[in-house]
Amino acid sequence: MPNFLKGTEISRFLEKYKVVWVYIISVGYILLNAYMVYKDLYYTLAIPLLLILLYFFVTRLDWILFLIVFTTPIAINIVQYELGAGISVPTEPLLFGVFLIFILKLFYKNDFDRKIWTHPVSIVVLISLLWMFITSLTSQIPLVSFKYLLARLWFVIPFYFLGILLFRKTQNIRLFIWLYTIPLMGVIFYTVMVHSTYGFEEEAGHWVMEPFYNDHTAYGAILALFLPIFVGFSFSKVYSKTTRFFSLIILVILLVALYLSFCRAAWIAVVATLIVYLIILFRIKFKWIAVVTGGLLIFFFIFQQQIWDVLERNKQGTSGDFTEHVQSISNISTDDSNLERINRWASAFRMFKERPVFGFGPGTYQFEYAPFQLSNEKTLISTNAGDRGNAHSEFIGPLSEEGLPGMLIMLTLVIMVIVYGVKVHKQAKTPETRLLSLTVLLGLITYFFHGTLNNFLDTDKASIPVWAFMAMLIALDMYQNKADEQ
């Protein structure tokens, strides 16, 4: 494990004076705890746990990262409505601690692997953070934007930049996947049990995953994200029969949970990712992909009026019946969910037209879009209160909040990740690297497709695995050929 994640000097200091520290801390805690119990206050009972966490923060930052991974699926968002803020416990306080330790070590030791900073994907990530900072300065609500930027930093630094160091060894990639998946299985069982009490109704399927996920779209996005991983784990001979057996069980659970989530965006993402997999499998050249894509676009523009007429005739709403629910995906005439998404996108484009370069500021869409809604585009679930989510797109959202450069940076990041993911897969030196690079890339592609219809990178549930998956690909790209890291 790289020294940057270990805190070597601090470890030596603590080792040298460990006996003295044990006595000082023990006596101090006993006296303090006795006084607090006498006063009927029991907060100090948590001090040993906090001290243990502090010890690992300064000595084994990698263990803290794995702790965050394990607690992410079961973390609960606590919202303070009076302050207009929310925090995911326990992950976000731990993430903020990692962020602070990273900054301190960067200034104190300055031994972070510089190749990580100069990797092309890392450069795009740094540019995105820089542009987010600039647009926070010009923001309509600077306080909201800088808070949003800070949250992005405590996702990106621990699980992208430190993640690249963490994933130098492929065993840590596997450990991340299992640490996230095991508690996710608990969330799935809880969700299915609650859902069963409502007869697996489609409407109930939108919220039964609370309090762990705020709705079925975020839940479905994560299920789809891990689906390719366990397809690979289940059917590849890279791993043992035992691993394949348990992976197959998890794969079945993920498929059932994805079906019961009634998340149409996640279903679309999985189907689209399957098409991408076939393109990679059959090594279809980019020129043919471009030709087909261009042909489809030309077809759409020529027959767009007829296409819209067909779509507008679709009155099928969301339903518990699988076939009818799939048919509702293209309903843009009566389906409130689809119409509200179009309303949000239209509002975002009007915001972009007003501020095309700098946008309204990161994180401000939900507070600023209300005046940009048109009365004839509003739906039964529209609101002017800024309390029902954002722009429903990882690409259109930045367009309204960070201007055209913000959207182009996000698109560039997605393209670069896919390019390097395919490169790592093609140049892999071992079967495991080939498998991991492909399945991790396909997992990310499910999220990129899902991200055209929803956006969750402002939440720990999605940000941690998405940024970590990117870090896995870059770590494989940078370190897979080093014999001492295999």
Protein backbone atom coordinates (compact mmCIF):
# COMPACT_ATOMS: atom_id res chain seq x y z
CA MET A 1 0.00 0.00 0.00
CA PRO A 2 1.44 3.43 -0.94
CA ASN A 3 2.83 5.42 2.00
CA PHE A 4 0.47 8.30 1.17
CA LEU A 5 -2.37 6.13 2.47
CA LYS A 6 -0.50 4.98 5.56
CA GLY A 7 0.83 8.06 7.38
CA THR A 8 4.26 6.57 8.06
CA GLU A 9 5.78 9.32 10.24
CA ILE A 10 2.71 9.55 12.45
CA SER A 11 2.70 5.77 12.86
CA ARG A 12 6.33 5.80 14.06
CA PHE A 13 5.61 8.59 16.53
CA LEU A 14 2.61 6.77 18.01
CA GLU A 15 4.59 3.51 18.18
CA LYS A 16 7.45 5.16 20.05
CA TYR A 17 5.26 6.66 22.76
CA LYS A 18 2.36 4.20 22.71
CA VAL A 19 2.59 3.18 26.41
CA VAL A 20 2.54 6.79 27.60
CA TRP A 21 -0.37 7.59 25.31
CA VAL A 22 -2.34 4.57 26.53
CA TYR A 23 -2.09 5.72 30.17
CA ILE A 24 -2.86 9.36 29.41
CA ILE A 25 -5.89 8.57 27.24
CA SER A 26 -7.23 5.88 29.58
CA VAL A 27 -7.06 8.00 32.74
CA GLY A 28 -8.46 11.04 30.95
CA TYR A 29 -11.36 9.06 29.52
CA ILE A 30 -12.23 7.44 32.87
CA LEU A 31 -12.33 10.81 34.63
CA LEU A 32 -14.32 12.50 31.87
CA ASN A 33 -16.77 9.63 31.52
CA ALA A 34 -17.35 9.46 35.29
CA TYR A 35 -18.20 13.14 35.36
CA MET A 36 -20.54 12.91 32.34
CA VAL A 37 -22.40 9.87 33.72
CA TYR A 38 -22.81 11.74 37.02
CA LYS A 39 -24.48 14.51 35.00
CA ASP A 40 -26.70 11.95 33.17
CA LEU A 41 -24.93 12.69 29.88
CA TYR A 42 -23.78 9.67 27.87
CA TYR A 43 -22.21 11.20 24.76
CA THR A 44 -18.73 10.30 25.96
CA LEU A 45 -19.48 6.61 25.55
CA ALA A 46 -18.78 7.17 21.84
CA ILE A 47 -15.30 8.59 22.49
CA PRO A 48 -13.45 5.24 22.17
CA LEU A 49 -15.00 4.72 18.73
CA LEU A 50 -14.04 8.25 17.69
CA LEU A 51 -10.49 7.73 18.92
CA ILE A 52 -10.20 4.49 16.99
CA LEU A 53 -11.43 6.27 13.86
CA LEU A 54 -8.98 9.13 14.45
CA TYR A 55 -6.13 6.62 14.82
CA PHE A 56 -6.94 4.99 11.50
CA PHE A 57 -7.44 8.36 9.81
CA VAL A 58 -3.80 9.23 10.51
CA THR A 59 -2.31 5.75 10.12
CA ARG A 60 -4.41 3.69 7.64
CA LEU A 61 -6.47 5.92 5.41
CA ASP A 62 -7.16 2.96 3.11
CA TRP A 63 -9.10 1.22 5.91
CA ILE A 64 -11.24 4.33 6.34
CA LEU A 65 -11.98 4.30 2.61
CA PHE A 66 -13.11 0.68 2.84
CA LEU A 67 -15.25 1.54 5.88
CA ILE A 68 -16.94 4.27 3.83
CA VAL A 69 -17.56 1.82 1.00
CA PHE A 70 -19.19 -0.69 3.36
CA THR A 71 -21.47 1.89 4.99
CA THR A 72 -22.53 3.70 1.80
CA PRO A 73 -25.46 1.43 0.80
CA ILE A 74 -26.92 1.63 4.33
CA ALA A 75 -26.17 5.31 4.94
CA ILE A 76 -29.18 7.46 5.75
CA ASN A 77 -29.70 11.04 4.59
CA ILE A 78 -30.58 13.39 7.46
CA VAL A 79 -32.21 16.57 6.20
CA GLN A 80 -32.36 19.78 8.21
CA TYR A 81 -35.20 21.66 6.53
CA GLU A 82 -34.70 24.82 8.57
CA LEU A 83 -31.14 25.11 7.28
CA GLY A 84 -31.99 23.80 3.82
CA ALA A 85 -29.23 21.22 4.10
CA GLY A 86 -28.85 17.49 4.36
CA ILE A 87 -26.04 15.09 5.20
CA SER A 88 -25.62 11.38 4.61
CA VAL A 89 -24.59 9.61 7.81
CA PRO A 90 -22.04 8.16 8.39
CA THR A 91 -20.44 8.47 4.95
CA GLU A 92 -20.22 12.22 4.37
CA PRO A 93 -18.58 13.10 7.73
CA LEU A 94 -16.02 10.35 7.04
CA LEU A 95 -15.51 11.62 3.48
CA PHE A 96 -14.93 15.14 4.76
CA GLY A 97 -12.35 13.75 7.20
CA VAL A 98 -10.53 11.96 4.36
CA PHE A 99 -10.60 15.17 2.33
CA LEU A 100 -8.96 17.13 5.18
CA ILE A 101 -6.32 14.45 5.79
CA PHE A 102 -5.53 14.42 2.06
CA ILE A 103 -5.00 18.20 2.01
CA LEU A 104 -2.81 18.08 5.15
CA LYS A 105 -0.67 15.23 3.79
CA LEU A 106 -0.39 16.95 0.42
CA PHE A 107 1.13 20.03 2.05
CA TYR A 108 3.10 18.17 4.73
CA LYS A 109 4.58 15.30 2.68
CA ASN A 110 3.93 16.17 -0.98
CA ASP A 111 4.72 12.61 -2.10
CA PHE A 112 1.50 11.94 -3.99
CA ASP A 113 2.20 10.13 -7.27
CA ARG A 114 2.43 12.95 -9.81
CA LYS A 115 1.60 10.64 -12.69
CA ILE A 116 -1.95 10.54 -11.34
CA TRP A 117 -2.32 14.31 -11.74
CA THR A 118 -1.07 14.19 -15.34
CA HIS A 119 -3.17 11.28 -16.62
CA PRO A 120 -5.48 12.62 -19.38
CA VAL A 121 -8.64 11.60 -17.51
CA SER A 122 -7.33 13.21 -14.31
CA ILE A 123 -6.64 16.41 -16.22
CA VAL A 124 -10.27 16.51 -17.37
CA VAL A 125 -11.41 15.88 -13.76
CA LEU A 126 -9.21 18.76 -12.55
CA ILE A 127 -10.54 21.03 -15.30
CA SER A 128 -14.10 20.16 -14.26
CA LEU A 129 -13.31 21.11 -10.65
CA LEU A 130 -11.61 24.34 -11.76
CA TRP A 131 -14.56 25.32 -13.93
CA MET A 132 -16.92 24.48 -11.09
CA PHE A 133 -14.91 26.85 -8.88
CA ILE A 134 -15.04 29.63 -11.49
CA THR A 135 -18.79 29.25 -11.98
CA SER A 136 -19.25 29.25 -8.21
CA LEU A 137 -17.66 32.71 -8.15
CA THR A 138 -20.18 33.92 -10.75
CA SER A 139 -23.07 31.94 -9.25
CA GLN A 140 -26.52 33.34 -8.65
CA ILE A 141 -26.31 31.77 -5.16
CA PRO A 142 -22.59 31.49 -4.27
CA LEU A 143 -23.21 29.82 -0.91
CA VAL A 144 -25.10 26.95 -2.56
CA SER A 145 -22.48 26.60 -5.31
CA PHE A 146 -19.47 26.51 -3.00
CA LYS A 147 -21.23 23.97 -0.79
CA TYR A 148 -21.90 21.91 -3.92
CA LEU A 149 -18.23 22.23 -4.97
CA LEU A 150 -17.06 21.14 -1.51
CA ALA A 151 -19.31 18.08 -1.68
CA ARG A 152 -17.91 17.22 -5.13
CA LEU A 153 -14.37 17.51 -3.74
CA TRP A 154 -15.04 15.11 -0.89
CA PHE A 155 -16.36 12.57 -3.39
CA VAL A 156 -13.67 13.00 -6.05
CA ILE A 157 -10.57 13.22 -3.86
CA PRO A 158 -11.16 10.07 -1.75
CA PHE A 159 -12.52 7.80 -4.46
CA TYR A 160 -10.90 9.08 -7.62
CA PHE A 161 -7.48 10.46 -6.74
CA LEU A 162 -6.85 8.35 -3.63
CA GLY A 163 -8.84 5.57 -5.30
CA ILE A 164 -6.24 5.29 -8.07
CA LEU A 165 -3.60 4.60 -5.41
CA LEU A 166 -5.92 2.20 -3.62
CA PHE A 167 -6.66 0.20 -6.76
CA ARG A 168 -3.03 -0.29 -7.79
CA LYS A 169 -3.60 -3.83 -6.56
CA THR A 170 -6.46 -5.66 -8.23
CA GLN A 171 -7.32 -7.36 -4.95
CA ASN A 172 -8.50 -3.97 -3.69
CA ILE A 173 -10.81 -3.66 -6.69
CA ARG A 174 -12.40 -6.97 -5.77
CA LEU A 175 -12.57 -5.93 -2.10
CA PHE A 176 -14.34 -2.68 -3.00
CA ILE A 177 -16.94 -4.54 -5.07
CA TRP A 178 -17.73 -7.07 -2.34
CA LEU A 179 -17.72 -4.48 0.47
CA TYR A 180 -20.29 -2.41 -1.42
CA THR A 181 -22.37 -5.36 -2.57
CA ILE A 182 -22.81 -7.20 0.75
CA PRO A 183 -24.68 -4.36 2.52
CA LEU A 184 -26.49 -3.63 -0.77
CA MET A 185 -27.93 -7.15 -0.50
CA GLY A 186 -29.31 -6.19 2.91
CA VAL A 187 -30.95 -3.10 1.42
CA ILE A 188 -32.45 -5.23 -1.36
CA PHE A 189 -33.90 -7.76 1.10
CA TYR A 190 -35.36 -4.92 3.18
CA THR A 191 -36.85 -3.30 0.06
CA VAL A 192 -38.37 -6.53 -1.24
CA MET A 193 -39.86 -7.35 2.17
CA VAL A 194 -41.51 -3.94 2.48
CA HIS A 195 -42.61 -4.08 -1.16
CA SER A 196 -44.21 -7.50 -0.60
CA THR A 197 -46.53 -6.05 2.06
CA TYR A 198 -47.97 -3.86 -0.72
CA GLY A 199 -48.37 -6.76 -3.13
CA PHE A 200 -45.40 -5.57 -5.24
CA GLU A 201 -47.50 -2.72 -6.61
CA GLU A 202 -45.77 -0.45 -9.13
CA GLU A 203 -46.63 2.73 -7.22
CA ALA A 204 -45.24 1.40 -3.94
CA GLY A 205 -42.08 0.38 -5.80
CA HIS A 206 -41.20 4.07 -6.10
CA TRP A 207 -40.50 4.57 -2.39
CA VAL A 208 -40.17 1.23 -0.52
CA MET A 209 -36.36 1.51 -0.57
CA GLU A 210 -36.51 4.49 1.80
CA PRO A 211 -34.68 5.51 4.00
CA PHE A 212 -31.65 4.01 2.25
CA TYR A 213 -32.47 5.43 -1.20
CA ASN A 214 -34.70 8.43 -1.75
CA ASP A 215 -36.54 6.85 -4.69
CA HIS A 216 -36.55 3.99 -7.16
CA THR A 217 -34.49 5.77 -9.83
CA ALA A 218 -31.41 6.16 -7.61
CA TYR A 219 -31.87 2.60 -6.39
CA GLY A 220 -32.24 1.26 -9.94
CA ALA A 221 -29.14 3.14 -11.11
CA ILE A 222 -26.96 1.37 -8.52
CA LEU A 223 -28.47 -2.04 -9.27
CA ALA A 224 -27.69 -1.53 -12.97
CA LEU A 225 -24.18 -0.27 -12.15
CA PHE A 226 -23.18 -3.52 -10.45
CA LEU A 227 -25.03 -5.86 -12.80
CA PRO A 228 -22.22 -6.22 -15.41
CA ILE A 229 -19.70 -6.89 -12.63
CA PHE A 230 -21.56 -9.94 -11.39
CA VAL A 231 -22.34 -11.18 -14.88
CA GLY A 232 -18.57 -11.30 -15.36
CA PHE A 233 -17.90 -12.80 -11.93
CA SER A 234 -20.55 -15.49 -12.50
CA PHE A 235 -19.54 -16.79 -15.92
CA SER A 236 -15.81 -16.15 -16.20
CA LYS A 237 -13.37 -18.92 -15.33
CA VAL A 238 -10.96 -16.34 -13.91
CA TYR A 239 -12.34 -17.00 -10.42
CA SER A 240 -12.99 -20.14 -8.42
CA LYS A 241 -16.20 -22.15 -8.55
CA THR A 242 -17.12 -20.88 -5.07
CA THR A 243 -16.76 -17.26 -6.16
CA ARG A 244 -18.77 -17.94 -9.32
CA PHE A 245 -21.50 -19.66 -7.31
CA PHE A 246 -22.00 -16.78 -4.86
CA SER A 247 -21.68 -14.25 -7.69
CA LEU A 248 -24.46 -16.04 -9.57
CA ILE A 249 -26.71 -15.82 -6.50
CA ILE A 250 -26.02 -12.08 -6.24
CA LEU A 251 -26.62 -11.67 -9.97
CA VAL A 252 -30.07 -13.27 -9.69
CA ILE A 253 -30.90 -11.04 -6.70
CA LEU A 254 -29.79 -7.94 -8.63
CA LEU A 255 -31.95 -8.90 -11.62
CA VAL A 256 -35.01 -9.51 -9.46
CA ALA A 257 -34.44 -6.24 -7.58
CA LEU A 258 -33.97 -4.33 -10.84
CA TYR A 259 -37.24 -5.72 -12.18
CA LEU A 260 -39.10 -4.83 -8.97
CA SER A 261 -37.61 -1.32 -8.93
CA PHE A 262 -39.85 -0.40 -11.89
CA CYS A 263 -37.07 1.99 -12.92
CA ARG A 264 -37.48 2.40 -16.68
CA ALA A 265 -34.29 4.47 -17.01
CA ALA A 266 -32.25 1.65 -15.45
CA TRP A 267 -33.86 -0.89 -17.80
CA ILE A 268 -32.99 1.28 -20.80
CA ALA A 269 -29.43 1.67 -19.52
CA VAL A 270 -28.95 -2.09 -19.19
CA VAL A 271 -30.25 -2.76 -22.72
CA ALA A 272 -28.08 0.03 -24.17
CA THR A 273 -25.04 -1.34 -22.31
CA LEU A 274 -25.70 -4.79 -23.75
CA ILE A 275 -25.51 -3.25 -27.23
CA VAL A 276 -22.19 -1.59 -26.30
CA TYR A 277 -20.90 -4.94 -25.05
CA LEU A 278 -21.75 -6.55 -28.41
CA ILE A 279 -19.89 -3.72 -30.18
CA ILE A 280 -16.80 -4.39 -28.04
CA LEU A 281 -17.15 -8.17 -28.35
CA PHE A 282 -17.34 -8.14 -32.15
CA ARG A 283 -14.75 -5.34 -32.44
CA ILE A 284 -17.02 -3.21 -34.60
CA LYS A 285 -15.00 -0.29 -35.92
CA PHE A 286 -15.82 3.27 -34.95
CA LYS A 287 -16.51 4.30 -38.55
CA TRP A 288 -19.41 1.85 -38.75
CA ILE A 289 -20.79 3.07 -35.42
CA ALA A 290 -20.57 6.63 -36.74
CA VAL A 291 -22.32 5.66 -39.98
CA VAL A 292 -25.20 3.94 -38.17
CA THR A 293 -25.53 6.77 -35.64
CA GLY A 294 -25.48 9.37 -38.40
CA GLY A 295 -28.08 7.39 -40.36
CA LEU A 296 -30.39 7.21 -37.36
CA LEU A 297 -30.05 10.96 -36.78
CA ILE A 298 -30.82 11.71 -40.43
CA PHE A 299 -33.83 9.36 -40.27
CA PHE A 300 -35.08 11.14 -37.13
CA PHE A 301 -34.79 14.63 -38.64
CA ILE A 302 -36.49 13.57 -41.87
CA PHE A 303 -39.39 11.82 -40.16
CA GLN A 304 -39.47 13.72 -36.87
CA GLN A 305 -43.04 14.89 -37.30
CA GLN A 306 -44.28 11.36 -37.91
CA ILE A 307 -42.24 10.09 -34.96
CA TRP A 308 -43.73 12.71 -32.64
CA ASP A 309 -47.21 11.85 -33.87
CA VAL A 310 -46.68 8.20 -32.99
CA LEU A 311 -45.27 9.07 -29.56
CA GLU A 312 -48.15 11.42 -28.79
CA ARG A 313 -50.65 8.66 -29.58
CA ASN A 314 -49.11 6.48 -26.85
CA LYS A 315 -51.36 6.88 -23.77
CA GLN A 316 -49.93 3.95 -21.81
CA GLY A 317 -49.14 5.00 -18.26
CA THR A 318 -46.86 3.31 -15.75
CA SER A 319 -48.13 -0.09 -14.73
CA GLY A 320 -47.38 -3.16 -12.68
CA ASP A 321 -47.53 -5.17 -15.90
CA PHE A 322 -44.02 -5.41 -17.37
CA THR A 323 -45.09 -5.01 -21.02
CA GLU A 324 -47.31 -2.01 -20.29
CA HIS A 325 -44.60 -0.44 -18.11
CA VAL A 326 -42.11 -0.74 -20.97
CA GLN A 327 -44.62 0.79 -23.37
CA SER A 328 -45.00 3.77 -21.02
CA ILE A 329 -41.34 4.70 -21.64
CA SER A 330 -42.31 6.50 -24.88
CA ASN A 331 -45.49 8.09 -23.53
CA ILE A 332 -44.95 11.84 -23.83
CA SER A 333 -48.62 12.77 -23.86
CA THR A 334 -50.07 11.63 -20.50
CA ASP A 335 -47.23 10.15 -18.40
CA ASP A 336 -46.45 12.77 -15.73
CA SER A 337 -42.98 11.40 -15.05
CA ASN A 338 -41.94 11.68 -18.70
CA LEU A 339 -43.64 15.06 -19.15
CA GLU A 340 -42.05 16.48 -16.01
CA ARG A 341 -38.63 15.37 -17.21
CA ILE A 342 -39.25 17.21 -20.50
CA ASN A 343 -40.40 20.25 -18.50
CA ARG A 344 -37.15 20.20 -16.48
CA TRP A 345 -35.03 19.88 -19.61
CA ALA A 346 -36.87 22.69 -21.38
CA SER A 347 -36.39 24.92 -18.33
CA ALA A 348 -32.68 24.06 -18.27
CA PHE A 349 -32.28 25.05 -21.92
CA ARG A 350 -34.01 28.39 -21.27
CA MET A 351 -31.65 28.96 -18.34
CA PHE A 352 -28.72 28.16 -20.64
CA LYS A 353 -29.92 30.70 -23.19
CA GLU A 354 -29.96 33.39 -20.49
CA ARG A 355 -26.48 32.48 -19.16
CA PRO A 356 -24.75 30.45 -21.88
CA VAL A 357 -21.14 30.65 -20.62
CA PHE A 358 -21.11 30.55 -16.81
CA GLY A 359 -24.60 29.30 -16.08
CA PHE A 360 -26.46 30.00 -12.85
CA GLY A 361 -23.90 28.24 -10.65
CA PRO A 362 -23.30 24.64 -9.52
CA GLY A 363 -26.17 23.19 -7.51
CA THR A 364 -28.52 26.11 -8.16
CA TYR A 365 -30.82 24.59 -10.78
CA GLN A 366 -33.52 23.49 -8.34
CA PHE A 367 -33.67 26.98 -6.82
CA GLU A 368 -33.64 28.89 -10.11
CA TYR A 369 -35.61 26.91 -12.69
CA ALA A 370 -39.15 27.74 -11.52
CA PRO A 371 -39.48 31.07 -13.45
CA PHE A 372 -38.31 29.31 -16.62
CA GLN A 373 -41.22 26.85 -16.65
CA LEU A 374 -44.06 27.44 -19.10
CA SER A 375 -47.60 26.93 -17.88
CA ASN A 376 -48.45 24.61 -20.79
CA GLU A 377 -45.44 22.39 -19.96
CA LYS A 378 -46.17 21.99 -16.25
CA THR A 379 -47.52 18.71 -14.93
CA LEU A 380 -49.34 17.52 -11.83
CA ILE A 381 -45.96 16.96 -10.14
CA SER A 382 -44.40 20.30 -11.12
CA THR A 383 -43.38 22.68 -8.35
CA ASN A 384 -42.06 26.19 -7.88
CA ALA A 385 -40.66 25.43 -4.42
CA GLY A 386 -37.33 23.90 -5.49
CA ASP A 387 -37.99 20.82 -3.37
CA ARG A 388 -38.42 18.08 -5.97
CA GLY A 389 -35.02 17.44 -7.43
CA ASN A 390 -32.91 18.82 -10.21
CA ALA A 391 -32.61 18.79 -14.00
CA HIS A 392 -32.81 14.99 -14.34
CA SER A 393 -29.67 14.77 -16.47
CA GLU A 394 -25.94 14.63 -15.79
CA PHE A 395 -25.44 16.58 -19.02
CA ILE A 396 -28.31 19.05 -19.26
CA GLY A 397 -27.95 19.96 -15.57
CA PRO A 398 -24.39 21.27 -16.00
CA LEU A 399 -25.54 23.13 -19.14
CA SER A 400 -27.85 25.27 -17.01
CA GLU A 401 -25.57 25.51 -13.98
CA GLU A 402 -22.10 25.80 -15.57
CA GLY A 403 -22.91 26.90 -19.10
CA LEU A 404 -21.83 25.23 -22.32
CA PRO A 405 -18.26 24.61 -21.05
CA GLY A 406 -19.69 22.66 -18.09
CA MET A 407 -21.65 20.29 -20.32
CA LEU A 408 -18.74 19.87 -22.76
CA ILE A 409 -16.39 19.01 -19.90
CA MET A 410 -18.81 16.37 -18.65
CA LEU A 411 -19.17 14.89 -22.14
CA THR A 412 -15.38 14.90 -22.55
CA LEU A 413 -14.95 13.08 -19.24
CA VAL A 414 -17.42 10.37 -20.29
CA ILE A 415 -15.75 9.92 -23.69
CA MET A 416 -12.25 9.80 -22.16
CA VAL A 417 -13.27 7.22 -19.58
CA ILE A 418 -14.80 5.00 -22.28
CA VAL A 419 -11.73 5.38 -24.54
CA TYR A 420 -9.30 4.46 -21.78
CA GLY A 421 -11.56 1.68 -20.53
CA VAL A 422 -11.57 0.06 -23.98
CA LYS A 423 -7.81 0.61 -24.24
CA VAL A 424 -7.15 -1.13 -20.92
CA HIS A 425 -9.38 -4.03 -21.94
CA LYS A 426 -7.59 -4.49 -25.28
CA GLN A 427 -4.10 -4.20 -23.79
CA ALA A 428 -4.72 -6.22 -20.62
CA LYS A 429 -1.84 -8.48 -19.64
CA THR A 430 -3.85 -10.90 -17.50
CA PRO A 431 -7.31 -12.50 -17.80
CA GLU A 432 -8.43 -10.83 -14.55
CA THR A 433 -7.40 -7.38 -15.76
CA ARG A 434 -9.27 -8.03 -19.01
CA LEU A 435 -12.38 -9.09 -17.11
CA LEU A 436 -12.31 -6.30 -14.52
CA SER A 437 -11.66 -3.55 -17.07
CA LEU A 438 -14.56 -4.73 -19.24
CA THR A 439 -17.12 -5.23 -16.48
CA VAL A 440 -16.20 -2.01 -14.66
CA LEU A 441 -16.42 -0.10 -17.95
CA LEU A 442 -19.82 -1.62 -18.75
CA GLY A 443 -21.00 -0.76 -15.24
CA LEU A 444 -20.01 2.86 -15.83
CA ILE A 445 -21.74 2.86 -19.21
CA THR A 446 -25.01 1.84 -17.53
CA TYR A 447 -24.66 4.94 -15.37
CA PHE A 448 -23.72 7.19 -18.30
CA PHE A 449 -26.85 6.10 -20.17
CA HIS A 450 -28.93 6.44 -17.02
CA GLY A 451 -27.35 9.87 -16.53
CA THR A 452 -29.06 11.19 -19.66
CA LEU A 453 -32.39 10.79 -17.82
CA ASN A 454 -31.42 11.31 -14.16
CA ASN A 455 -28.52 12.66 -12.13
CA PHE A 456 -27.21 11.38 -8.80
CA LEU A 457 -23.55 12.45 -8.69
CA ASP A 458 -24.44 14.84 -5.89
CA THR A 459 -25.24 11.85 -3.65
CA ASP A 460 -22.88 9.42 -1.90
CA LYS A 461 -24.85 6.38 -3.13
CA ALA A 462 -23.86 7.01 -6.75
CA SER A 463 -20.78 9.22 -6.52
CA ILE A 464 -18.70 6.79 -4.48
CA PRO A 465 -19.03 3.79 -6.85
CA VAL A 466 -19.00 5.90 -10.04
CA TRP A 467 -15.82 7.81 -9.18
CA ALA A 468 -14.28 4.61 -7.79
CA PHE A 469 -15.04 2.72 -11.01
CA MET A 470 -13.31 5.50 -12.97
CA ALA A 471 -10.33 5.22 -10.61
CA MET A 472 -10.21 1.45 -11.16
CA LEU A 473 -9.87 1.90 -14.91
CA ILE A 474 -7.16 4.54 -14.55
CA ALA A 475 -5.29 2.45 -11.98
CA LEU A 476 -5.36 -0.53 -14.35
CA ASP A 477 -4.17 1.74 -17.16
CA MET A 478 -1.29 3.19 -15.13
CA TYR A 479 -0.10 0.25 -13.06
CA GLN A 480 -1.21 -3.03 -14.64
CA ASN A 481 2.17 -3.60 -16.36
CA LYS A 482 4.18 -3.23 -13.15
CA ALA A 483 5.13 -6.63 -11.91
CA ASP A 484 5.39 -5.54 -8.30
CA GLU A 485 1.76 -4.41 -8.32
CA GLN A 486 0.27 -7.59 -9.71
